[in-house]
Amino acid sequence: MSKYYPPTYDKEQFHCLLCGVYAKQNWYQLGSSDHDFTYSTCTHCYKECYWYKEKMIIPSEAHVSPPHQDLPKSCISEYNEARDIASRSPRAAAALLRLALQKLMVELGEKGKNINTDIGSLVSKGLPVEVQQALDYCRVVGNNGVHPGEIELNDNPEITNSLFEMINFIVEDRISRPKKIAELYNILPKGALEAVEKRDKSS
């Protein structure tokens, strides 16, 4: 998964929110007298983003990672809705990502009824500790979106924003990486694959 560079005021290059491409940005003042209003133009899609006092106001979408290319279709709606609302309501975004995580659990072969139970099941099957920590991070923060607790998300939007990165990390590890390895493995000669199968049956 390639690194995501969020839109940042006065930066020459970043991932455009409108086309998703990492591209050079041209900057302009909006009018001649008011320096607070500026806009950036993407050199890939030629669309404009508008800024006020160094903060993007159009589009209003939070500057968070787009969905991973292998994020299951069942989770995309919640992910994108969370992305759209994150800058206005971090708590609502966290709650939506918790729902996306619950659906992702089903895609990973679990029941999807209780996220904590599903994580425990994956751990019993040999889940790497860093993925377990990412899942529990999403679970705990997402729960605070539904039932406010010790973490005040509206006062700490960066916590919610990190959920997007965690979801994509989980997809990369649990879905993308195994898929890529399987694709490479399956191009091996038939004889080599049969020899591996025979070896594993005899061990």
N, C-alpha and C. Protein backbone atom coordinates (compact mmCIF):
# COMPACT_ATOMS: atom_id res chain seq x y z
N MET A 1 0.85 -1.19 0.00
CA MET A 1 0.00 0.00 0.00
C MET A 1 0.89 1.24 0.00
N SER A 2 0.70 2.12 -0.97
CA SER A 2 1.54 3.31 -1.07
C SER A 2 1.19 4.32 0.00
N LYS A 3 2.16 5.16 0.35
CA LYS A 3 1.96 6.16 1.39
C LYS A 3 0.99 7.23 0.90
N TYR A 4 0.14 7.68 1.81
CA TYR A 4 -0.85 8.71 1.49
C TYR A 4 -0.37 10.06 2.00
N TYR A 5 -0.36 11.05 1.12
CA TYR A 5 0.03 12.41 1.49
C TYR A 5 -1.21 13.29 1.45
N PRO A 6 -1.76 13.64 2.62
CA PRO A 6 -3.01 14.39 2.66
C PRO A 6 -2.83 15.82 2.17
N PRO A 7 -3.91 16.44 1.68
CA PRO A 7 -3.84 17.85 1.27
C PRO A 7 -3.37 18.72 2.43
N THR A 8 -2.38 19.54 2.16
CA THR A 8 -1.80 20.43 3.17
C THR A 8 -1.59 21.80 2.57
N TYR A 9 -1.95 22.81 3.33
CA TYR A 9 -1.89 24.17 2.81
C TYR A 9 -0.49 24.53 2.30
N ASP A 10 -0.44 25.08 1.11
CA ASP A 10 0.76 25.62 0.47
C ASP A 10 1.78 24.56 0.10
N LYS A 11 1.41 23.28 0.16
CA LYS A 11 2.32 22.23 -0.27
C LYS A 11 2.29 22.12 -1.80
N GLU A 12 3.42 21.80 -2.38
CA GLU A 12 3.49 21.72 -3.84
C GLU A 12 2.87 20.44 -4.38
N GLN A 13 2.88 19.37 -3.58
CA GLN A 13 2.31 18.10 -4.03
C GLN A 13 1.58 17.41 -2.88
N PHE A 14 0.47 16.79 -3.19
CA PHE A 14 -0.24 15.93 -2.24
C PHE A 14 -1.27 15.11 -3.01
N HIS A 15 -1.95 14.20 -2.31
CA HIS A 15 -3.01 13.42 -2.94
C HIS A 15 -4.26 14.29 -3.05
N CYS A 16 -4.67 14.51 -4.27
CA CYS A 16 -5.86 15.34 -4.52
C CYS A 16 -7.10 14.63 -3.99
N LEU A 17 -7.94 15.34 -3.23
CA LEU A 17 -9.17 14.75 -2.72
C LEU A 17 -10.18 14.49 -3.83
N LEU A 18 -10.04 15.19 -4.93
CA LEU A 18 -11.04 15.10 -5.99
C LEU A 18 -10.77 13.99 -7.00
N CYS A 19 -9.50 13.69 -7.24
CA CYS A 19 -9.18 12.60 -8.19
C CYS A 19 -8.38 11.48 -7.54
N GLY A 20 -7.84 11.73 -6.34
CA GLY A 20 -7.10 10.69 -5.62
C GLY A 20 -5.67 10.49 -6.06
N VAL A 21 -5.20 11.29 -7.02
CA VAL A 21 -3.85 11.13 -7.56
C VAL A 21 -2.87 12.02 -6.80
N TYR A 22 -1.66 11.49 -6.56
CA TYR A 22 -0.59 12.30 -5.97
C TYR A 22 -0.04 13.18 -7.09
N ALA A 23 -0.29 14.48 -6.99
CA ALA A 23 0.04 15.36 -8.11
C ALA A 23 0.48 16.74 -7.62
N LYS A 24 1.14 17.46 -8.50
CA LYS A 24 1.56 18.83 -8.23
C LYS A 24 0.32 19.73 -8.13
N GLN A 25 0.39 20.70 -7.20
CA GLN A 25 -0.71 21.63 -6.99
C GLN A 25 -0.24 23.06 -7.27
N ASN A 26 -1.05 23.79 -8.00
CA ASN A 26 -0.77 25.21 -8.23
C ASN A 26 -1.66 26.04 -7.30
N TRP A 27 -1.08 27.09 -6.71
CA TRP A 27 -1.78 27.89 -5.70
C TRP A 27 -2.06 29.30 -6.21
N TYR A 28 -3.25 29.80 -5.85
CA TYR A 28 -3.67 31.13 -6.27
C TYR A 28 -4.46 31.81 -5.16
N GLN A 29 -4.43 33.14 -5.15
CA GLN A 29 -5.28 33.91 -4.24
C GLN A 29 -6.65 34.10 -4.87
N LEU A 30 -7.67 34.05 -4.04
CA LEU A 30 -9.03 34.26 -4.52
C LEU A 30 -9.36 35.75 -4.36
N GLY A 31 -9.19 36.50 -5.41
CA GLY A 31 -9.35 37.94 -5.33
C GLY A 31 -8.02 38.60 -5.03
N SER A 32 -8.00 39.91 -5.09
CA SER A 32 -6.74 40.64 -4.96
C SER A 32 -6.51 41.23 -3.57
N SER A 33 -7.57 41.36 -2.77
CA SER A 33 -7.42 42.07 -1.50
C SER A 33 -7.42 41.16 -0.29
N ASP A 34 -8.17 40.06 -0.33
CA ASP A 34 -8.30 39.18 0.83
C ASP A 34 -7.35 37.99 0.69
N HIS A 35 -6.30 37.97 1.50
CA HIS A 35 -5.31 36.90 1.41
C HIS A 35 -5.73 35.64 2.17
N ASP A 36 -6.85 35.71 2.90
CA ASP A 36 -7.30 34.54 3.65
C ASP A 36 -7.89 33.47 2.73
N PHE A 37 -8.45 33.89 1.61
CA PHE A 37 -9.07 32.95 0.67
C PHE A 37 -8.08 32.60 -0.44
N THR A 38 -7.81 31.31 -0.58
CA THR A 38 -6.93 30.82 -1.64
C THR A 38 -7.56 29.59 -2.27
N TYR A 39 -7.01 29.16 -3.38
CA TYR A 39 -7.45 27.90 -3.95
C TYR A 39 -6.27 27.21 -4.63
N SER A 40 -6.33 25.89 -4.62
CA SER A 40 -5.29 25.08 -5.25
C SER A 40 -5.90 24.35 -6.43
N THR A 41 -5.11 24.21 -7.47
CA THR A 41 -5.56 23.50 -8.67
C THR A 41 -4.68 22.28 -8.90
N CYS A 42 -5.31 21.13 -9.01
CA CYS A 42 -4.58 19.89 -9.25
C CYS A 42 -4.14 19.82 -10.71
N THR A 43 -2.87 19.51 -10.95
CA THR A 43 -2.36 19.45 -12.32
C THR A 43 -2.72 18.14 -13.02
N HIS A 44 -3.38 17.22 -12.28
CA HIS A 44 -3.83 15.98 -12.90
C HIS A 44 -5.28 16.08 -13.38
N CYS A 45 -6.18 16.51 -12.48
CA CYS A 45 -7.60 16.58 -12.85
C CYS A 45 -8.06 18.00 -13.18
N TYR A 46 -7.20 18.99 -12.87
CA TYR A 46 -7.48 20.40 -13.14
C TYR A 46 -8.69 20.93 -12.35
N LYS A 47 -9.05 20.24 -11.27
CA LYS A 47 -10.13 20.72 -10.41
C LYS A 47 -9.56 21.51 -9.25
N GLU A 48 -10.41 22.30 -8.61
CA GLU A 48 -9.95 23.24 -7.60
C GLU A 48 -10.45 22.88 -6.21
N CYS A 49 -9.59 23.13 -5.23
CA CYS A 49 -9.97 23.03 -3.81
C CYS A 49 -9.83 24.43 -3.22
N TYR A 50 -10.79 24.81 -2.39
CA TYR A 50 -10.80 26.17 -1.83
C TYR A 50 -10.44 26.14 -0.36
N TRP A 51 -9.63 27.13 0.03
CA TRP A 51 -9.07 27.20 1.38
C TRP A 51 -9.40 28.55 2.02
N TYR A 52 -9.62 28.51 3.34
CA TYR A 52 -9.83 29.75 4.09
C TYR A 52 -8.97 29.70 5.34
N LYS A 53 -8.10 30.69 5.49
CA LYS A 53 -7.16 30.75 6.62
C LYS A 53 -6.42 29.43 6.77
N GLU A 54 -5.90 28.96 5.65
CA GLU A 54 -5.03 27.78 5.57
C GLU A 54 -5.76 26.46 5.85
N LYS A 55 -7.10 26.47 5.85
CA LYS A 55 -7.87 25.25 6.03
C LYS A 55 -8.77 25.03 4.81
N MET A 56 -8.79 23.80 4.32
CA MET A 56 -9.63 23.50 3.17
C MET A 56 -11.09 23.54 3.58
N ILE A 57 -11.89 24.26 2.81
CA ILE A 57 -13.32 24.34 3.10
C ILE A 57 -14.17 23.68 2.01
N ILE A 58 -13.65 23.58 0.80
CA ILE A 58 -14.34 22.88 -0.28
C ILE A 58 -13.30 22.07 -1.06
N PRO A 59 -13.43 20.75 -1.12
CA PRO A 59 -14.47 19.95 -0.46
C PRO A 59 -14.26 19.88 1.05
N SER A 60 -15.32 19.54 1.75
CA SER A 60 -15.26 19.52 3.22
C SER A 60 -14.79 18.19 3.77
N GLU A 61 -14.54 17.25 2.91
CA GLU A 61 -14.08 15.93 3.30
C GLU A 61 -12.80 16.01 4.13
N ALA A 62 -12.70 15.19 5.17
CA ALA A 62 -11.50 15.19 6.01
C ALA A 62 -10.29 14.74 5.22
N HIS A 63 -9.13 15.20 5.62
CA HIS A 63 -7.88 14.87 4.92
C HIS A 63 -7.37 13.52 5.41
N VAL A 64 -8.09 12.49 5.11
CA VAL A 64 -7.74 11.14 5.57
C VAL A 64 -7.58 10.22 4.37
N SER A 65 -6.99 9.06 4.63
CA SER A 65 -6.69 8.12 3.55
C SER A 65 -7.95 7.65 2.84
N PRO A 66 -7.92 7.55 1.51
CA PRO A 66 -9.05 6.96 0.79
C PRO A 66 -9.11 5.47 1.10
N PRO A 67 -10.22 4.83 0.78
CA PRO A 67 -10.31 3.39 1.09
C PRO A 67 -9.28 2.59 0.32
N HIS A 68 -8.75 1.58 0.97
CA HIS A 68 -7.80 0.67 0.33
C HIS A 68 -8.47 0.04 -0.89
N GLN A 69 -7.70 -0.18 -1.93
CA GLN A 69 -8.26 -0.74 -3.17
C GLN A 69 -8.88 -2.11 -2.95
N ASP A 70 -8.47 -2.82 -1.89
CA ASP A 70 -9.02 -4.14 -1.60
C ASP A 70 -10.02 -4.13 -0.45
N LEU A 71 -10.43 -2.94 -0.01
CA LEU A 71 -11.47 -2.88 1.01
C LEU A 71 -12.74 -3.51 0.42
N PRO A 72 -13.33 -4.51 1.10
CA PRO A 72 -14.52 -5.17 0.54
C PRO A 72 -15.65 -4.18 0.26
N LYS A 73 -16.42 -4.49 -0.78
CA LYS A 73 -17.52 -3.60 -1.18
C LYS A 73 -18.51 -3.40 -0.05
N SER A 74 -18.68 -4.39 0.81
CA SER A 74 -19.64 -4.28 1.91
C SER A 74 -19.27 -3.20 2.91
N CYS A 75 -18.01 -2.77 2.89
CA CYS A 75 -17.52 -1.79 3.87
C CYS A 75 -17.34 -0.39 3.28
N ILE A 76 -17.36 -0.28 1.97
CA ILE A 76 -16.98 0.98 1.32
C ILE A 76 -17.94 2.11 1.63
N SER A 77 -19.24 1.83 1.66
CA SER A 77 -20.22 2.89 1.91
C SER A 77 -19.98 3.56 3.25
N GLU A 78 -19.79 2.77 4.31
CA GLU A 78 -19.55 3.33 5.64
C GLU A 78 -18.22 4.08 5.69
N TYR A 79 -17.20 3.51 5.03
CA TYR A 79 -15.89 4.16 5.03
C TYR A 79 -15.97 5.53 4.39
N ASN A 80 -16.59 5.60 3.21
CA ASN A 80 -16.67 6.88 2.50
C ASN A 80 -17.57 7.88 3.21
N GLU A 81 -18.64 7.40 3.83
CA GLU A 81 -19.50 8.30 4.59
C GLU A 81 -18.75 8.87 5.78
N ALA A 82 -17.95 8.01 6.44
CA ALA A 82 -17.13 8.47 7.57
C ALA A 82 -16.11 9.50 7.10
N ARG A 83 -15.54 9.25 5.95
CA ARG A 83 -14.54 10.18 5.39
C ARG A 83 -15.16 11.54 5.09
N ASP A 84 -16.40 11.52 4.63
CA ASP A 84 -17.09 12.76 4.28
C ASP A 84 -17.45 13.59 5.51
N ILE A 85 -17.72 12.92 6.64
CA ILE A 85 -18.23 13.63 7.80
C ILE A 85 -17.17 13.83 8.90
N ALA A 86 -15.99 13.25 8.73
CA ALA A 86 -14.99 13.24 9.81
C ALA A 86 -14.60 14.63 10.28
N SER A 87 -14.48 15.59 9.37
CA SER A 87 -14.06 16.93 9.77
C SER A 87 -15.14 17.66 10.55
N ARG A 88 -16.41 17.28 10.34
CA ARG A 88 -17.52 17.94 11.03
C ARG A 88 -17.92 17.22 12.31
N SER A 89 -17.80 15.90 12.32
CA SER A 89 -18.18 15.14 13.51
C SER A 89 -17.30 13.90 13.63
N PRO A 90 -16.15 14.02 14.31
CA PRO A 90 -15.27 12.87 14.50
C PRO A 90 -15.97 11.69 15.18
N ARG A 91 -16.89 11.98 16.11
CA ARG A 91 -17.61 10.90 16.79
C ARG A 91 -18.47 10.11 15.82
N ALA A 92 -19.19 10.81 14.96
CA ALA A 92 -20.04 10.13 13.98
C ALA A 92 -19.19 9.30 13.02
N ALA A 93 -18.05 9.84 12.62
CA ALA A 93 -17.15 9.10 11.73
C ALA A 93 -16.64 7.83 12.40
N ALA A 94 -16.28 7.94 13.68
CA ALA A 94 -15.78 6.77 14.41
C ALA A 94 -16.86 5.69 14.51
N ALA A 95 -18.10 6.12 14.72
CA ALA A 95 -19.20 5.15 14.81
C ALA A 95 -19.41 4.44 13.48
N LEU A 96 -19.30 5.18 12.38
CA LEU A 96 -19.44 4.58 11.05
C LEU A 96 -18.30 3.60 10.76
N LEU A 97 -17.10 3.95 11.19
CA LEU A 97 -15.96 3.05 10.97
C LEU A 97 -16.06 1.80 11.83
N ARG A 98 -16.70 1.93 12.98
CA ARG A 98 -16.94 0.75 13.81
C ARG A 98 -17.87 -0.21 13.07
N LEU A 99 -18.88 0.33 12.39
CA LEU A 99 -19.78 -0.51 11.60
C LEU A 99 -19.02 -1.13 10.42
N ALA A 100 -18.15 -0.35 9.79
CA ALA A 100 -17.33 -0.89 8.70
C ALA A 100 -16.45 -2.04 9.20
N LEU A 101 -15.89 -1.87 10.40
CA LEU A 101 -15.05 -2.92 10.99
C LEU A 101 -15.87 -4.18 11.25
N GLN A 102 -17.10 -4.00 11.73
CA GLN A 102 -17.97 -5.15 12.00
C GLN A 102 -18.24 -5.93 10.70
N LYS A 103 -18.47 -5.21 9.61
CA LYS A 103 -18.69 -5.86 8.32
C LYS A 103 -17.40 -6.51 7.81
N LEU A 104 -16.26 -5.87 8.09
CA LEU A 104 -14.98 -6.43 7.68
C LEU A 104 -14.72 -7.76 8.38
N MET A 105 -15.18 -7.89 9.61
CA MET A 105 -15.00 -9.14 10.35
C MET A 105 -15.67 -10.31 9.63
N VAL A 106 -16.83 -10.05 9.06
CA VAL A 106 -17.52 -11.10 8.30
C VAL A 106 -16.68 -11.49 7.08
N GLU A 107 -16.09 -10.50 6.43
CA GLU A 107 -15.23 -10.76 5.27
C GLU A 107 -13.99 -11.57 5.66
N LEU A 108 -13.59 -11.46 6.92
CA LEU A 108 -12.42 -12.19 7.41
C LEU A 108 -12.80 -13.56 7.97
N GLY A 109 -14.08 -13.95 7.79
CA GLY A 109 -14.51 -15.29 8.19
C GLY A 109 -15.10 -15.39 9.57
N GLU A 110 -15.35 -14.26 10.22
CA GLU A 110 -15.94 -14.29 11.56
C GLU A 110 -17.44 -13.98 11.49
N LYS A 111 -18.10 -14.02 12.63
CA LYS A 111 -19.57 -13.88 12.66
C LYS A 111 -20.03 -12.43 12.49
N GLY A 112 -19.23 -11.48 12.97
CA GLY A 112 -19.60 -10.08 12.81
C GLY A 112 -20.64 -9.57 13.78
N LYS A 113 -20.96 -10.35 14.79
CA LYS A 113 -21.96 -9.91 15.78
C LYS A 113 -21.32 -9.20 16.96
N ASN A 114 -20.14 -9.67 17.36
CA ASN A 114 -19.42 -9.08 18.49
C ASN A 114 -17.96 -8.94 18.07
N ILE A 115 -17.52 -7.70 17.89
CA ILE A 115 -16.17 -7.46 17.37
C ILE A 115 -15.12 -8.02 18.32
N ASN A 116 -15.32 -7.86 19.62
CA ASN A 116 -14.34 -8.34 20.59
C ASN A 116 -14.19 -9.85 20.51
N THR A 117 -15.31 -10.56 20.39
CA THR A 117 -15.28 -12.02 20.26
C THR A 117 -14.60 -12.42 18.96
N ASP A 118 -14.89 -11.69 17.89
CA ASP A 118 -14.28 -11.99 16.59
C ASP A 118 -12.77 -11.81 16.62
N ILE A 119 -12.30 -10.76 17.31
CA ILE A 119 -10.85 -10.54 17.42
C ILE A 119 -10.21 -11.70 18.19
N GLY A 120 -10.87 -12.12 19.28
CA GLY A 120 -10.36 -13.25 20.05
C GLY A 120 -10.27 -14.51 19.21
N SER A 121 -11.26 -14.72 18.34
CA SER A 121 -11.25 -15.88 17.45
C SER A 121 -10.08 -15.81 16.48
N LEU A 122 -9.83 -14.63 15.92
CA LEU A 122 -8.71 -14.47 14.99
C LEU A 122 -7.37 -14.67 15.70
N VAL A 123 -7.28 -14.20 16.94
CA VAL A 123 -6.04 -14.39 17.72
C VAL A 123 -5.78 -15.88 17.94
N SER A 124 -6.84 -16.63 18.23
CA SER A 124 -6.69 -18.08 18.45
C SER A 124 -6.24 -18.81 17.19
N LYS A 125 -6.44 -18.15 16.04
CA LYS A 125 -6.04 -18.74 14.76
C LYS A 125 -4.66 -18.26 14.32
N GLY A 126 -3.98 -17.51 15.20
CA GLY A 126 -2.61 -17.08 14.90
C GLY A 126 -2.48 -15.67 14.36
N LEU A 127 -3.42 -14.81 14.68
CA LEU A 127 -3.37 -13.43 14.21
C LEU A 127 -2.12 -12.72 14.74
N PRO A 128 -1.32 -12.07 13.88
CA PRO A 128 -0.14 -11.33 14.36
C PRO A 128 -0.53 -10.26 15.37
N VAL A 129 0.33 -10.01 16.34
CA VAL A 129 -0.01 -9.11 17.43
C VAL A 129 -0.26 -7.69 16.94
N GLU A 130 0.48 -7.23 15.91
CA GLU A 130 0.27 -5.86 15.44
C GLU A 130 -1.10 -5.69 14.78
N VAL A 131 -1.62 -6.75 14.15
CA VAL A 131 -2.96 -6.68 13.56
C VAL A 131 -4.01 -6.72 14.67
N GLN A 132 -3.76 -7.53 15.69
CA GLN A 132 -4.67 -7.57 16.85
C GLN A 132 -4.76 -6.19 17.49
N GLN A 133 -3.62 -5.53 17.64
CA GLN A 133 -3.62 -4.20 18.24
C GLN A 133 -4.36 -3.19 17.38
N ALA A 134 -4.19 -3.29 16.07
CA ALA A 134 -4.91 -2.39 15.16
C ALA A 134 -6.41 -2.62 15.25
N LEU A 135 -6.83 -3.88 15.30
CA LEU A 135 -8.25 -4.20 15.42
C LEU A 135 -8.83 -3.70 16.74
N ASP A 136 -8.10 -3.92 17.83
CA ASP A 136 -8.60 -3.46 19.13
C ASP A 136 -8.61 -1.94 19.22
N TYR A 137 -7.66 -1.29 18.57
CA TYR A 137 -7.66 0.18 18.52
C TYR A 137 -8.94 0.66 17.85
N CYS A 138 -9.26 0.08 16.70
CA CYS A 138 -10.48 0.46 15.98
C CYS A 138 -11.73 0.15 16.81
N ARG A 139 -11.71 -0.99 17.49
CA ARG A 139 -12.87 -1.39 18.30
C ARG A 139 -13.11 -0.41 19.44
N VAL A 140 -12.05 -0.10 20.20
CA VAL A 140 -12.19 0.77 21.38
C VAL A 140 -12.55 2.20 20.97
N VAL A 141 -11.85 2.74 19.97
CA VAL A 141 -12.14 4.11 19.53
C VAL A 141 -13.53 4.17 18.91
N GLY A 142 -13.88 3.16 18.12
CA GLY A 142 -15.21 3.13 17.51
C GLY A 142 -16.32 3.05 18.54
N ASN A 143 -16.08 2.30 19.61
CA ASN A 143 -17.07 2.22 20.69
C ASN A 143 -17.30 3.58 21.34
N ASN A 144 -16.25 4.39 21.40
CA ASN A 144 -16.39 5.73 21.97
C ASN A 144 -17.21 6.64 21.06
N GLY A 145 -17.29 6.30 19.78
CA GLY A 145 -18.15 7.04 18.88
C GLY A 145 -19.62 6.74 19.15
N VAL A 146 -19.90 5.48 19.53
CA VAL A 146 -21.27 5.06 19.80
C VAL A 146 -21.67 5.37 21.24
N HIS A 147 -20.79 5.05 22.16
CA HIS A 147 -21.03 5.28 23.60
C HIS A 147 -19.86 6.07 24.16
N PRO A 148 -19.96 7.38 24.24
CA PRO A 148 -18.85 8.21 24.73
C PRO A 148 -18.30 7.71 26.06
N GLY A 149 -16.98 7.64 26.13
CA GLY A 149 -16.33 7.15 27.34
C GLY A 149 -15.15 8.01 27.71
N GLU A 150 -13.99 7.37 27.91
CA GLU A 150 -12.81 8.09 28.37
C GLU A 150 -12.14 8.88 27.25
N ILE A 151 -12.40 8.52 25.99
CA ILE A 151 -11.79 9.22 24.86
C ILE A 151 -12.81 10.20 24.28
N GLU A 152 -12.50 11.48 24.32
CA GLU A 152 -13.39 12.50 23.77
C GLU A 152 -12.95 12.80 22.34
N LEU A 153 -13.65 12.18 21.41
CA LEU A 153 -13.22 12.22 20.01
C LEU A 153 -13.38 13.60 19.38
N ASN A 154 -14.42 14.32 19.75
CA ASN A 154 -14.62 15.64 19.14
C ASN A 154 -13.51 16.62 19.53
N ASP A 155 -12.88 16.37 20.67
CA ASP A 155 -11.76 17.22 21.10
C ASP A 155 -10.43 16.72 20.55
N ASN A 156 -10.42 15.50 20.02
CA ASN A 156 -9.19 14.90 19.50
C ASN A 156 -9.47 14.26 18.14
N PRO A 157 -9.77 15.06 17.12
CA PRO A 157 -10.13 14.50 15.82
C PRO A 157 -9.03 13.65 15.19
N GLU A 158 -7.77 13.89 15.59
CA GLU A 158 -6.68 13.10 15.01
C GLU A 158 -6.81 11.62 15.39
N ILE A 159 -7.47 11.33 16.52
CA ILE A 159 -7.67 9.93 16.92
C ILE A 159 -8.61 9.25 15.92
N THR A 160 -9.70 9.93 15.61
CA THR A 160 -10.63 9.38 14.61
C THR A 160 -9.94 9.26 13.26
N ASN A 161 -9.18 10.27 12.88
CA ASN A 161 -8.51 10.24 11.58
C ASN A 161 -7.57 9.04 11.45
N SER A 162 -6.97 8.64 12.57
CA SER A 162 -6.05 7.50 12.53
C SER A 162 -6.78 6.18 12.28
N LEU A 163 -8.09 6.16 12.55
CA LEU A 163 -8.86 4.94 12.31
C LEU A 163 -8.85 4.55 10.84
N PHE A 164 -8.89 5.54 9.96
CA PHE A 164 -8.88 5.25 8.53
C PHE A 164 -7.60 4.53 8.15
N GLU A 165 -6.49 5.00 8.69
CA GLU A 165 -5.19 4.37 8.42
C GLU A 165 -5.16 2.94 8.97
N MET A 166 -5.74 2.75 10.16
CA MET A 166 -5.75 1.42 10.77
C MET A 166 -6.59 0.44 9.95
N ILE A 167 -7.77 0.89 9.50
CA ILE A 167 -8.63 0.02 8.69
C ILE A 167 -7.87 -0.42 7.43
N ASN A 168 -7.20 0.52 6.79
CA ASN A 168 -6.45 0.19 5.57
C ASN A 168 -5.29 -0.74 5.86
N PHE A 169 -4.64 -0.57 7.02
CA PHE A 169 -3.55 -1.47 7.41
C PHE A 169 -4.07 -2.90 7.57
N ILE A 170 -5.23 -3.04 8.21
CA ILE A 170 -5.82 -4.36 8.42
C ILE A 170 -6.15 -5.03 7.09
N VAL A 171 -6.72 -4.25 6.16
CA VAL A 171 -7.05 -4.78 4.84
C VAL A 171 -5.79 -5.21 4.10
N GLU A 172 -4.74 -4.40 4.19
CA GLU A 172 -3.47 -4.72 3.52
C GLU A 172 -2.92 -6.04 4.04
N ASP A 173 -2.95 -6.23 5.37
CA ASP A 173 -2.34 -7.42 5.97
C ASP A 173 -3.20 -8.67 5.79
N ARG A 174 -4.50 -8.53 5.96
CA ARG A 174 -5.38 -9.69 5.98
C ARG A 174 -5.95 -10.08 4.61
N ILE A 175 -6.00 -9.12 3.68
CA ILE A 175 -6.61 -9.38 2.38
C ILE A 175 -5.62 -9.23 1.23
N SER A 176 -4.97 -8.05 1.15
CA SER A 176 -4.11 -7.77 -0.01
C SER A 176 -2.87 -8.64 -0.06
N ARG A 177 -2.19 -8.75 1.07
CA ARG A 177 -0.94 -9.51 1.09
C ARG A 177 -1.14 -10.98 0.76
N PRO A 178 -2.12 -11.66 1.41
CA PRO A 178 -2.36 -13.06 1.04
C PRO A 178 -2.78 -13.22 -0.42
N LYS A 179 -3.58 -12.27 -0.94
CA LYS A 179 -4.01 -12.36 -2.33
C LYS A 179 -2.82 -12.26 -3.28
N LYS A 180 -1.91 -11.34 -2.99
CA LYS A 180 -0.73 -11.17 -3.85
C LYS A 180 0.16 -12.41 -3.82
N ILE A 181 0.36 -12.97 -2.62
CA ILE A 181 1.19 -14.17 -2.49
C ILE A 181 0.56 -15.33 -3.25
N ALA A 182 -0.77 -15.48 -3.13
CA ALA A 182 -1.47 -16.56 -3.82
C ALA A 182 -1.35 -16.42 -5.33
N GLU A 183 -1.46 -15.18 -5.83
CA GLU A 183 -1.34 -14.95 -7.26
C GLU A 183 0.04 -15.34 -7.77
N LEU A 184 1.08 -14.98 -7.01
CA LEU A 184 2.45 -15.32 -7.42
C LEU A 184 2.69 -16.83 -7.32
N TYR A 185 2.18 -17.44 -6.25
CA TYR A 185 2.38 -18.87 -6.03
C TYR A 185 1.75 -19.70 -7.15
N ASN A 186 0.57 -19.25 -7.60
CA ASN A 186 -0.18 -20.02 -8.59
C ASN A 186 0.39 -19.95 -10.00
N ILE A 187 1.40 -19.10 -10.20
CA ILE A 187 2.04 -19.08 -11.53
C ILE A 187 3.24 -20.05 -11.58
N LEU A 188 3.52 -20.72 -10.48
CA LEU A 188 4.59 -21.73 -10.47
C LEU A 188 4.20 -22.90 -11.38
N PRO A 189 5.18 -23.61 -11.92
CA PRO A 189 4.87 -24.75 -12.78
C PRO A 189 4.04 -25.80 -12.05
N LYS A 190 3.17 -26.47 -12.82
CA LYS A 190 2.26 -27.47 -12.23
C LYS A 190 3.03 -28.54 -11.48
N GLY A 191 4.16 -28.96 -12.03
CA GLY A 191 4.95 -30.00 -11.38
C GLY A 191 5.46 -29.57 -10.02
N ALA A 192 5.87 -28.30 -9.90
CA ALA A 192 6.37 -27.80 -8.63
C ALA A 192 5.25 -27.74 -7.60
N LEU A 193 4.05 -27.33 -8.04
CA LEU A 193 2.91 -27.26 -7.12
C LEU A 193 2.51 -28.65 -6.64
N GLU A 194 2.55 -29.62 -7.54
CA GLU A 194 2.21 -31.00 -7.15
C GLU A 194 3.23 -31.56 -6.18
N ALA A 195 4.50 -31.19 -6.37
CA ALA A 195 5.56 -31.67 -5.46
C ALA A 195 5.37 -31.09 -4.06
N VAL A 196 4.98 -29.83 -3.98
CA VAL A 196 4.72 -29.20 -2.69
C VAL A 196 3.54 -29.87 -2.00
N GLU A 197 2.47 -30.14 -2.77
CA GLU A 197 1.29 -30.79 -2.21
C GLU A 197 1.63 -32.18 -1.69
N LYS A 198 2.43 -32.92 -2.46
CA LYS A 198 2.84 -34.26 -2.04
C LYS A 198 3.69 -34.19 -0.78
N ARG A 199 4.59 -33.22 -0.71
CA ARG A 199 5.45 -33.07 0.47
C ARG A 199 4.61 -32.80 1.72
N ASP A 200 3.61 -31.91 1.59
CA ASP A 200 2.83 -31.51 2.75
C ASP A 200 1.91 -32.64 3.22
N LYS A 201 1.45 -33.47 2.30
CA LYS A 201 0.60 -34.59 2.67
C LYS A 201 1.38 -35.65 3.44
N SER A 202 2.67 -35.79 3.13
CA SER A 202 3.48 -36.83 3.77
C SER A 202 4.08 -36.37 5.10
N SER A 203 4.01 -35.05 5.38
CA SER A 203 4.64 -34.55 6.62
C SER A 203 3.68 -34.65 7.79
